PDB file of all heavy atoms in Angstrom:
ATOM      1  N   ASP A   1      -5.727  82.238-160.859  1.00  0.00           N
ATOM      2  CA  ASP A   1      -4.264  81.735-160.917  1.00  0.00           C
ATOM      3  C   ASP A   1      -3.322  82.854-160.679  1.00  0.00           C
ATOM      4  O   ASP A   1      -3.344  83.909-161.264  1.00  0.00           O
ATOM      5  CB  ASP A   1      -4.141  81.288-162.363  1.00  0.00           C
ATOM      6  CG  ASP A   1      -2.726  80.640-162.607  1.00  0.00           C
ATOM      7  OD1 ASP A   1      -1.850  80.824-161.783  1.00  0.00           O
ATOM      8  OD2 ASP A   1      -2.563  79.876-163.588  1.00  0.00           O
ATOM      9  N   PRO A   2      -2.456  82.678-159.640  1.00  0.00           N
ATOM     10  CA  PRO A   2      -1.563  83.822-159.351  1.00  0.00           C
ATOM     11  C   PRO A   2      -0.410  83.941-160.334  1.00  0.00           C
ATOM     12  O   PRO A   2       0.373  84.760-160.215  1.00  0.00           O
ATOM     13  CB  PRO A   2      -0.981  83.340-157.911  1.00  0.00           C
ATOM     14  CG  PRO A   2      -1.084  81.906-157.936  1.00  0.00           C
ATOM     15  CD  PRO A   2      -2.347  81.619-158.783  1.00  0.00           C
ATOM     16  N   GLY A   3      -0.339  83.098-161.304  1.00  0.00           N
ATOM     17  CA  GLY A   3       0.708  83.159-162.368  1.00  0.00           C
ATOM     18  C   GLY A   3       1.895  82.367-162.131  1.00  0.00           C
ATOM     19  O   GLY A   3       2.039  81.631-161.153  1.00  0.00           O
ATOM     20  N   VAL A   4       2.762  82.290-163.121  1.00  0.00           N
ATOM     21  CA  VAL A   4       3.962  81.464-163.100  1.00  0.00           C
ATOM     22  C   VAL A   4       4.843  81.706-161.943  1.00  0.00           C
ATOM     23  O   VAL A   4       5.433  80.880-161.352  1.00  0.00           O
ATOM     24  CB  VAL A   4       4.680  81.579-164.405  1.00  0.00           C
ATOM     25  CG1 VAL A   4       6.027  80.774-164.353  1.00  0.00           C
ATOM     26  CG2 VAL A   4       3.897  81.002-165.560  1.00  0.00           C
ATOM     27  N   SER A   5       4.922  82.995-161.559  1.00  0.00           N
ATOM     28  CA  SER A   5       5.880  83.363-160.461  1.00  0.00           C
ATOM     29  C   SER A   5       5.290  82.948-159.129  1.00  0.00           C
ATOM     30  O   SER A   5       6.018  83.022-158.056  1.00  0.00           O
ATOM     31  CB  SER A   5       6.102  84.859-160.473  1.00  0.00           C
ATOM     32  OG  SER A   5       6.721  85.192-161.680  1.00  0.00           O
ATOM     33  N   GLY A   6       4.086  82.422-159.052  1.00  0.00           N
ATOM     34  CA  GLY A   6       3.563  81.954-157.745  1.00  0.00           C
ATOM     35  C   GLY A   6       3.290  83.064-156.807  1.00  0.00           C
ATOM     36  O   GLY A   6       2.735  84.105-157.106  1.00  0.00           O
ATOM     37  N   GLY A   7       3.687  82.838-155.503  1.00  0.00           N
ATOM     38  CA  GLY A   7       3.373  83.702-154.473  1.00  0.00           C
ATOM     39  C   GLY A   7       1.952  83.380-153.839  1.00  0.00           C
ATOM     40  O   GLY A   7       1.207  82.620-154.494  1.00  0.00           O
ATOM     41  N   ARG A   8       1.719  83.844-152.619  1.00  0.00           N
ATOM     42  CA  ARG A   8       0.451  83.502-151.989  1.00  0.00           C
ATOM     43  C   ARG A   8      -0.739  84.241-152.673  1.00  0.00           C
ATOM     44  O   ARG A   8      -0.503  85.248-153.396  1.00  0.00           O
ATOM     45  CB  ARG A   8       0.483  83.822-150.502  1.00  0.00           C
ATOM     46  CG  ARG A   8       1.644  83.111-149.794  1.00  0.00           C
ATOM     47  CD  ARG A   8       1.518  81.659-149.871  1.00  0.00           C
ATOM     48  NE  ARG A   8       0.457  81.139-149.049  1.00  0.00           N
ATOM     49  CZ  ARG A   8       0.123  79.795-149.023  1.00  0.00           C
ATOM     50  NH1 ARG A   8       0.868  78.895-149.705  1.00  0.00           N
ATOM     51  NH2 ARG A   8      -0.982  79.416-148.315  1.00  0.00           N
ATOM     52  N   GLY A   9      -1.889  83.823-152.450  1.00  0.00           N
ATOM     53  CA  GLY A   9      -3.040  84.443-152.982  1.00  0.00           C
ATOM     54  C   GLY A   9      -3.738  83.588-154.084  1.00  0.00           C
ATOM     55  O   GLY A   9      -2.997  82.788-154.746  1.00  0.00           O
ATOM     56  N   GLY A  10      -4.984  83.836-154.304  1.00  0.00           N
ATOM     57  CA  GLY A  10      -5.658  83.078-155.344  1.00  0.00           C
ATOM     58  C   GLY A  10      -6.366  81.878-154.748  1.00  0.00           C
ATOM     59  O   GLY A  10      -5.892  81.230-153.790  1.00  0.00           O
ATOM     60  N   LEU A  11      -7.530  81.576-155.360  1.00  0.00           N
ATOM     61  CA  LEU A  11      -8.268  80.346-154.876  1.00  0.00           C
ATOM     62  C   LEU A  11      -8.484  79.435-155.945  1.00  0.00           C
ATOM     63  O   LEU A  11      -8.481  79.658-157.212  1.00  0.00           O
ATOM     64  CB  LEU A  11      -9.623  80.881-154.385  1.00  0.00           C
ATOM     65  CG  LEU A  11      -9.624  81.832-153.134  1.00  0.00           C
ATOM     66  CD1 LEU A  11     -11.094  82.183-152.888  1.00  0.00           C
ATOM     67  CD2 LEU A  11      -9.021  81.184-151.994  1.00  0.00           C
ATOM     68  N   VAL A  12      -8.791  78.162-155.671  1.00  0.00           N
ATOM     69  CA  VAL A  12      -9.184  77.148-156.626  1.00  0.00           C
ATOM     70  C   VAL A  12     -10.404  76.468-156.138  1.00  0.00           C
ATOM     71  O   VAL A  12     -10.658  76.317-154.927  1.00  0.00           O
ATOM     72  CB  VAL A  12      -7.954  76.175-156.824  1.00  0.00           C
ATOM     73  CG1 VAL A  12      -7.669  75.365-155.560  1.00  0.00           C
ATOM     74  CG2 VAL A  12      -8.277  75.244-158.023  1.00  0.00           C
ATOM     75  N   MET A  13     -11.316  76.001-157.074  1.00  0.00           N
ATOM     76  CA  MET A  13     -12.469  75.347-156.641  1.00  0.00           C
ATOM     77  C   MET A  13     -12.345  73.881-156.924  1.00  0.00           C
ATOM     78  O   MET A  13     -11.845  73.456-157.883  1.00  0.00           O
ATOM     79  CB  MET A  13     -13.661  75.911-157.550  1.00  0.00           C
ATOM     80  CG  MET A  13     -13.826  77.368-157.506  1.00  0.00           C
ATOM     81  SD  MET A  13     -14.182  78.029-155.808  1.00  0.00           S
ATOM     82  CE  MET A  13     -15.749  77.357-155.586  1.00  0.00           C
ATOM     83  N   ARG A  14     -12.668  73.053-155.879  1.00  0.00           N
ATOM     84  CA  ARG A  14     -12.546  71.640-155.947  1.00  0.00           C
ATOM     85  C   ARG A  14     -13.875  70.955-155.671  1.00  0.00           C
ATOM     86  O   ARG A  14     -14.445  71.233-154.593  1.00  0.00           O
ATOM     87  CB  ARG A  14     -11.532  71.085-154.949  1.00  0.00           C
ATOM     88  CG  ARG A  14     -10.108  71.631-155.107  1.00  0.00           C
ATOM     89  CD  ARG A  14      -9.407  70.881-156.278  1.00  0.00           C
ATOM     90  NE  ARG A  14      -9.612  71.606-157.527  1.00  0.00           N
ATOM     91  CZ  ARG A  14      -9.250  71.101-158.669  1.00  0.00           C
ATOM     92  NH1 ARG A  14      -8.794  69.905-158.729  1.00  0.00           N
ATOM     93  NH2 ARG A  14      -9.414  71.827-159.736  1.00  0.00           N
ATOM     94  N   PRO A  15     -14.328  70.019-156.626  1.00  0.00           N
ATOM     95  CA  PRO A  15     -15.585  69.349-156.348  1.00  0.00           C
ATOM     96  C   PRO A  15     -15.414  68.098-155.510  1.00  0.00           C
ATOM     97  O   PRO A  15     -14.502  67.282-155.731  1.00  0.00           O
ATOM     98  CB  PRO A  15     -16.004  68.941-157.758  1.00  0.00           C
ATOM     99  CG  PRO A  15     -14.706  68.774-158.561  1.00  0.00           C
ATOM    100  CD  PRO A  15     -13.688  69.716-157.877  1.00  0.00           C
ATOM    101  N   VAL A  16     -16.252  67.888-154.515  1.00  0.00           N
ATOM    102  CA  VAL A  16     -16.258  66.703-153.581  1.00  0.00           C
ATOM    103  C   VAL A  16     -17.631  66.397-153.248  1.00  0.00           C
ATOM    104  O   VAL A  16     -18.397  67.212-152.689  1.00  0.00           O
ATOM    105  CB  VAL A  16     -15.470  67.020-152.337  1.00  0.00           C
ATOM    106  CG1 VAL A  16     -15.379  65.647-151.567  1.00  0.00           C
ATOM    107  CG2 VAL A  16     -13.976  67.411-152.568  1.00  0.00           C
ATOM    108  N   LYS A  17     -18.091  65.195-153.630  1.00  0.00           N
ATOM    109  CA  LYS A  17     -19.478  64.658-153.313  1.00  0.00           C
ATOM    110  C   LYS A  17     -20.534  65.728-153.594  1.00  0.00           C
ATOM    111  O   LYS A  17     -21.381  66.022-152.724  1.00  0.00           O
ATOM    112  CB  LYS A  17     -19.472  64.243-151.792  1.00  0.00           C
ATOM    113  CG  LYS A  17     -18.637  63.018-151.564  1.00  0.00           C
ATOM    114  CD  LYS A  17     -18.491  62.713-150.049  1.00  0.00           C
ATOM    115  CE  LYS A  17     -19.787  62.436-149.449  1.00  0.00           C
ATOM    116  NZ  LYS A  17     -20.313  61.101-149.911  1.00  0.00           N
ATOM    117  N   GLU A  18     -20.538  66.207-154.811  1.00  0.00           N
ATOM    118  CA  GLU A  18     -21.609  67.156-155.272  1.00  0.00           C
ATOM    119  C   GLU A  18     -21.510  68.542-154.581  1.00  0.00           C
ATOM    120  O   GLU A  18     -22.473  69.301-154.646  1.00  0.00           O
ATOM    121  CB  GLU A  18     -22.969  66.573-155.188  1.00  0.00           C
ATOM    122  CG  GLU A  18     -23.072  65.273-156.029  1.00  0.00           C
ATOM    123  CD  GLU A  18     -24.527  64.598-155.928  1.00  0.00           C
ATOM    124  OE1 GLU A  18     -25.252  65.164-155.129  1.00  0.00           O
ATOM    125  OE2 GLU A  18     -24.804  63.745-156.714  1.00  0.00           O
ATOM    126  N   LYS A  19     -20.444  68.727-153.886  1.00  0.00           N
ATOM    127  CA  LYS A  19     -20.234  70.071-153.242  1.00  0.00           C
ATOM    128  C   LYS A  19     -18.984  70.774-153.883  1.00  0.00           C
ATOM    129  O   LYS A  19     -18.091  69.955-154.347  1.00  0.00           O
ATOM    130  CB  LYS A  19     -20.118  70.027-151.749  1.00  0.00           C
ATOM    131  CG  LYS A  19     -21.447  69.574-151.084  1.00  0.00           C
ATOM    132  CD  LYS A  19     -21.304  69.579-149.623  1.00  0.00           C
ATOM    133  CE  LYS A  19     -22.529  69.067-148.857  1.00  0.00           C
ATOM    134  NZ  LYS A  19     -23.763  69.825-149.236  1.00  0.00           N
ATOM    135  N   MET A  20     -18.907  72.003-153.809  1.00  0.00           N
ATOM    136  CA  MET A  20     -17.716  72.712-154.357  1.00  0.00           C
ATOM    137  C   MET A  20     -16.934  73.412-153.237  1.00  0.00           C
ATOM    138  O   MET A  20     -17.572  74.219-152.607  1.00  0.00           O
ATOM    139  CB  MET A  20     -18.085  73.724-155.489  1.00  0.00           C
ATOM    140  CG  MET A  20     -16.901  74.161-156.362  1.00  0.00           C
ATOM    141  SD  MET A  20     -16.201  72.857-157.399  1.00  0.00           S
ATOM    142  CE  MET A  20     -17.417  72.541-158.555  1.00  0.00           C
ATOM    143  N   LEU A  21     -15.674  73.171-153.038  1.00  0.00           N
ATOM    144  CA  LEU A  21     -14.931  73.709-151.927  1.00  0.00           C
ATOM    145  C   LEU A  21     -13.914  74.690-152.522  1.00  0.00           C
ATOM    146  O   LEU A  21     -13.286  74.436-153.554  1.00  0.00           O
ATOM    147  CB  LEU A  21     -14.167  72.589-151.121  1.00  0.00           C
ATOM    148  CG  LEU A  21     -14.963  71.757-150.149  1.00  0.00           C
ATOM    149  CD1 LEU A  21     -15.802  70.761-150.764  1.00  0.00           C
ATOM    150  CD2 LEU A  21     -14.035  71.170-149.141  1.00  0.00           C
ATOM    151  N   ARG A  22     -13.745  75.798-151.738  1.00  0.00           N
ATOM    152  CA  ARG A  22     -12.647  76.694-152.130  1.00  0.00           C
ATOM    153  C   ARG A  22     -11.388  76.303-151.346  1.00  0.00           C
ATOM    154  O   ARG A  22     -11.515  75.943-150.159  1.00  0.00           O
ATOM    155  CB  ARG A  22     -13.015  78.107-151.641  1.00  0.00           C
ATOM    156  CG  ARG A  22     -14.228  78.692-152.484  1.00  0.00           C
ATOM    157  CD  ARG A  22     -14.894  79.793-151.659  1.00  0.00           C
ATOM    158  NE  ARG A  22     -16.144  80.192-152.296  1.00  0.00           N
ATOM    159  CZ  ARG A  22     -17.274  79.601-152.328  1.00  0.00           C
ATOM    160  NH1 ARG A  22     -17.401  78.475-151.658  1.00  0.00           N
ATOM    161  NH2 ARG A  22     -18.295  80.013-153.049  1.00  0.00           N
ATOM    162  N   ALA A  23     -10.231  76.473-151.975  1.00  0.00           N
ATOM    163  CA  ALA A  23      -8.918  76.171-151.330  1.00  0.00           C
ATOM    164  C   ALA A  23      -7.946  77.133-151.836  1.00  0.00           C
ATOM    165  O   ALA A  23      -8.041  77.645-152.991  1.00  0.00           O
ATOM    166  CB  ALA A  23      -8.480  74.698-151.606  1.00  0.00           C
ATOM    167  N   PRO A  24      -6.873  77.507-151.055  1.00  0.00           N
ATOM    168  CA  PRO A  24      -5.855  78.329-151.538  1.00  0.00           C
ATOM    169  C   PRO A  24      -5.098  77.757-152.741  1.00  0.00           C
ATOM    170  O   PRO A  24      -4.818  76.505-152.804  1.00  0.00           O
ATOM    171  CB  PRO A  24      -4.852  78.415-150.314  1.00  0.00           C
ATOM    172  CG  PRO A  24      -5.743  78.137-149.127  1.00  0.00           C
ATOM    173  CD  PRO A  24      -6.728  77.075-149.585  1.00  0.00           C
ATOM    174  N   PHE A  25      -4.910  78.545-153.740  1.00  0.00           N
ATOM    175  CA  PHE A  25      -4.333  78.083-155.025  1.00  0.00           C
ATOM    176  C   PHE A  25      -2.974  77.380-154.689  1.00  0.00           C
ATOM    177  O   PHE A  25      -2.581  76.379-155.279  1.00  0.00           O
ATOM    178  CB  PHE A  25      -4.105  79.137-155.981  1.00  0.00           C
ATOM    179  CG  PHE A  25      -3.831  78.810-157.377  1.00  0.00           C
ATOM    180  CD1 PHE A  25      -4.795  78.582-158.331  1.00  0.00           C
ATOM    181  CD2 PHE A  25      -2.492  78.525-157.773  1.00  0.00           C
ATOM    182  CE1 PHE A  25      -4.497  78.174-159.640  1.00  0.00           C
ATOM    183  CE2 PHE A  25      -2.208  78.039-159.010  1.00  0.00           C
ATOM    184  CZ  PHE A  25      -3.208  77.928-159.955  1.00  0.00           C
ATOM    185  N   GLN A  26      -2.213  77.977-153.783  1.00  0.00           N
ATOM    186  CA  GLN A  26      -0.868  77.457-153.451  1.00  0.00           C
ATOM    187  C   GLN A  26      -0.888  76.484-152.282  1.00  0.00           C
ATOM    188  O   GLN A  26       0.147  76.009-151.785  1.00  0.00           O
ATOM    189  CB  GLN A  26       0.140  78.599-153.099  1.00  0.00           C
ATOM    190  CG  GLN A  26       0.282  79.626-154.217  1.00  0.00           C
ATOM    191  CD  GLN A  26       1.169  79.099-155.384  1.00  0.00           C
ATOM    192  OE1 GLN A  26       2.004  78.281-155.157  1.00  0.00           O
ATOM    193  NE2 GLN A  26       0.925  79.622-156.537  1.00  0.00           N
ATOM    194  N   GLY A  27      -2.056  76.144-151.828  1.00  0.00           N
ATOM    195  CA  GLY A  27      -2.168  75.328-150.581  1.00  0.00           C
ATOM    196  C   GLY A  27      -2.372  73.852-150.907  1.00  0.00           C
ATOM    197  O   GLY A  27      -2.321  73.391-152.115  1.00  0.00           O
ATOM    198  N   PHE A  28      -2.733  73.101-149.854  1.00  0.00           N
ATOM    199  CA  PHE A  28      -2.868  71.652-149.967  1.00  0.00           C
ATOM    200  C   PHE A  28      -4.385  71.335-150.192  1.00  0.00           C
ATOM    201  O   PHE A  28      -5.246  71.886-149.679  1.00  0.00           O
ATOM    202  CB  PHE A  28      -2.369  71.010-148.616  1.00  0.00           C
ATOM    203  CG  PHE A  28      -2.747  69.490-148.603  1.00  0.00           C
ATOM    204  CD1 PHE A  28      -1.982  68.547-149.228  1.00  0.00           C
ATOM    205  CD2 PHE A  28      -3.877  69.050-147.866  1.00  0.00           C
ATOM    206  CE1 PHE A  28      -2.281  67.196-149.212  1.00  0.00           C
ATOM    207  CE2 PHE A  28      -4.194  67.682-147.798  1.00  0.00           C
ATOM    208  CZ  PHE A  28      -3.414  66.822-148.444  1.00  0.00           C
ATOM    209  N   PHE A  29      -4.540  70.273-151.049  1.00  0.00           N
ATOM    210  CA  PHE A  29      -5.840  69.651-151.210  1.00  0.00           C
ATOM    211  C   PHE A  29      -5.581  68.227-151.661  1.00  0.00           C
ATOM    212  O   PHE A  29      -4.721  67.972-152.460  1.00  0.00           O
ATOM    213  CB  PHE A  29      -6.708  70.441-152.174  1.00  0.00           C
ATOM    214  CG  PHE A  29      -8.200  70.154-152.003  1.00  0.00           C
ATOM    215  CD1 PHE A  29      -8.993  70.752-151.090  1.00  0.00           C
ATOM    216  CD2 PHE A  29      -8.808  69.107-152.770  1.00  0.00           C
ATOM    217  CE1 PHE A  29     -10.304  70.505-150.898  1.00  0.00           C
ATOM    218  CE2 PHE A  29     -10.133  68.802-152.626  1.00  0.00           C
ATOM    219  CZ  PHE A  29     -10.856  69.531-151.624  1.00  0.00           C
ATOM    220  N   GLN A  30      -6.400  67.320-151.265  1.00  0.00           N
ATOM    221  CA  GLN A  30      -6.270  65.931-151.659  1.00  0.00           C
ATOM    222  C   GLN A  30      -6.196  65.756-153.195  1.00  0.00           C
ATOM    223  O   GLN A  30      -7.062  66.298-153.848  1.00  0.00           O
ATOM    224  CB  GLN A  30      -7.359  64.991-151.145  1.00  0.00           C
ATOM    225  CG  GLN A  30      -7.390  64.889-149.635  1.00  0.00           C
ATOM    226  CD  GLN A  30      -6.233  64.148-149.054  1.00  0.00           C
ATOM    227  OE1 GLN A  30      -5.552  63.378-149.732  1.00  0.00           O
ATOM    228  NE2 GLN A  30      -5.870  64.360-147.761  1.00  0.00           N
ATOM    229  N   ALA A  31      -5.186  65.087-153.680  1.00  0.00           N
ATOM    230  CA  ALA A  31      -4.847  65.120-155.139  1.00  0.00           C
ATOM    231  C   ALA A  31      -5.704  64.228-155.987  1.00  0.00           C
ATOM    232  O   ALA A  31      -5.954  64.517-157.152  1.00  0.00           O
ATOM    233  CB  ALA A  31      -3.371  64.773-155.315  1.00  0.00           C
ATOM    234  N   ASN A  32      -6.208  63.089-155.444  1.00  0.00           N
ATOM    235  CA  ASN A  32      -6.911  62.132-156.225  1.00  0.00           C
ATOM    236  C   ASN A  32      -8.406  62.475-156.318  1.00  0.00           C
ATOM    237  O   ASN A  32      -9.259  62.211-155.476  1.00  0.00           O
ATOM    238  CB  ASN A  32      -6.832  60.708-155.550  1.00  0.00           C
ATOM    239  CG  ASN A  32      -7.315  59.603-156.501  1.00  0.00           C
ATOM    240  OD1 ASN A  32      -8.291  59.795-157.174  1.00  0.00           O
ATOM    241  ND2 ASN A  32      -6.587  58.494-156.460  1.00  0.00           N
ATOM    242  N   SER A  33      -8.754  63.140-157.476  1.00  0.00           N
ATOM    243  CA  SER A  33     -10.103  63.723-157.636  1.00  0.00           C
ATOM    244  C   SER A  33     -11.113  62.500-157.721  1.00  0.00           C
ATOM    245  O   SER A  33     -12.248  62.725-157.331  1.00  0.00           O
ATOM    246  CB  SER A  33     -10.085  64.472-158.952  1.00  0.00           C
ATOM    247  OG  SER A  33      -9.195  65.528-158.893  1.00  0.00           O
ATOM    248  N   ALA A  34     -10.676  61.359-158.099  1.00  0.00           N
ATOM    249  CA  ALA A  34     -11.656  60.273-158.323  1.00  0.00           C
ATOM    250  C   ALA A  34     -11.876  59.476-157.011  1.00  0.00           C
ATOM    251  O   ALA A  34     -12.880  58.751-156.965  1.00  0.00           O
ATOM    252  CB  ALA A  34     -11.063  59.223-159.391  1.00  0.00           C
ATOM    253  N   LEU A  35     -11.085  59.705-155.956  1.00  0.00           N
ATOM    254  CA  LEU A  35     -11.191  58.921-154.717  1.00  0.00           C
ATOM    255  C   LEU A  35     -11.422  59.735-153.522  1.00  0.00           C
ATOM    256  O   LEU A  35     -11.726  59.209-152.420  1.00  0.00           O
ATOM    257  CB  LEU A  35      -9.886  58.040-154.572  1.00  0.00           C
ATOM    258  CG  LEU A  35      -9.974  56.934-153.701  1.00  0.00           C
ATOM    259  CD1 LEU A  35     -11.086  55.900-154.072  1.00  0.00           C
ATOM    260  CD2 LEU A  35      -8.662  56.126-153.740  1.00  0.00           C
ATOM    261  N   VAL A  36     -11.373  61.069-153.657  1.00  0.00           N
ATOM    262  CA  VAL A  36     -11.516  61.859-152.373  1.00  0.00           C
ATOM    263  C   VAL A  36     -12.843  61.739-151.665  1.00  0.00           C
ATOM    264  O   VAL A  36     -12.976  61.695-150.537  1.00  0.00           O
ATOM    265  CB  VAL A  36     -11.191  63.378-152.778  1.00  0.00           C
ATOM    266  CG1 VAL A  36     -12.238  63.970-153.718  1.00  0.00           C
ATOM    267  CG2 VAL A  36     -11.074  64.160-151.500  1.00  0.00           C
ATOM    268  N   GLY A  37     -13.899  61.476-152.528  1.00  0.00           N
ATOM    269  CA  GLY A  37     -15.231  61.249-151.952  1.00  0.00           C
ATOM    270  C   GLY A  37     -15.221  59.976-151.029  1.00  0.00           C
ATOM    271  O   GLY A  37     -15.862  59.976-150.034  1.00  0.00           O
ATOM    272  N   SER A  38     -14.616  58.939-151.576  1.00  0.00           N
ATOM    273  CA  SER A  38     -14.488  57.634-150.799  1.00  0.00           C
ATOM    274  C   SER A  38     -13.768  57.882-149.459  1.00  0.00           C
ATOM    275  O   SER A  38     -14.075  57.260-148.467  1.00  0.00           O
ATOM    276  CB  SER A  38     -13.905  56.493-151.604  1.00  0.00           C
ATOM    277  OG  SER A  38     -14.748  56.279-152.720  1.00  0.00           O
ATOM    278  N   MET A  39     -12.780  58.677-149.588  1.00  0.00           N
ATOM    279  CA  MET A  39     -11.955  58.996-148.357  1.00  0.00           C
ATOM    280  C   MET A  39     -12.841  59.708-147.380  1.00  0.00           C
ATOM    281  O   MET A  39     -12.784  59.411-146.119  1.00  0.00           O
ATOM    282  CB  MET A  39     -10.751  59.862-148.737  1.00  0.00           C
ATOM    283  CG  MET A  39      -9.874  60.180-147.598  1.00  0.00           C
ATOM    284  SD  MET A  39      -8.564  61.276-148.099  1.00  0.00           S
ATOM    285  CE  MET A  39      -7.564  61.510-146.612  1.00  0.00           C
ATOM    286  N   VAL A  40     -13.543  60.713-147.829  1.00  0.00           N
ATOM    287  CA  VAL A  40     -14.513  61.382-146.889  1.00  0.00           C
ATOM    288  C   VAL A  40     -15.488  60.459-146.285  1.00  0.00           C
ATOM    289  O   VAL A  40     -15.802  60.417-145.066  1.00  0.00           O
ATOM    290  CB  VAL A  40     -15.234  62.523-147.607  1.00  0.00           C
ATOM    291  CG1 VAL A  40     -16.363  63.080-146.800  1.00  0.00           C
ATOM    292  CG2 VAL A  40     -14.249  63.689-148.037  1.00  0.00           C
ATOM    293  N   ASP A  41     -16.023  59.530-147.072  1.00  0.00           N
ATOM    294  CA  ASP A  41     -16.978  58.554-146.586  1.00  0.00           C
ATOM    295  C   ASP A  41     -16.318  57.600-145.492  1.00  0.00           C
ATOM    296  O   ASP A  41     -16.996  57.284-144.520  1.00  0.00           O
ATOM    297  CB  ASP A  41     -17.433  57.664-147.737  1.00  0.00           C
ATOM    298  CG  ASP A  41     -18.437  58.287-148.713  1.00  0.00           C
ATOM    299  OD1 ASP A  41     -18.947  59.333-148.223  1.00  0.00           O
ATOM    300  OD2 ASP A  41     -18.539  57.818-149.839  1.00  0.00           O
TER     301      ASP A  41
END
């Protein structure tokens, strides 16, 4: 977590279909955790 002040840097781990993806903490990732697997399908 880069902290309250934000700024670039930092990663977040996101689970999708039994895999774990890294993404930029301040970047974009599909928001619906319950449906992203169906979207990939």
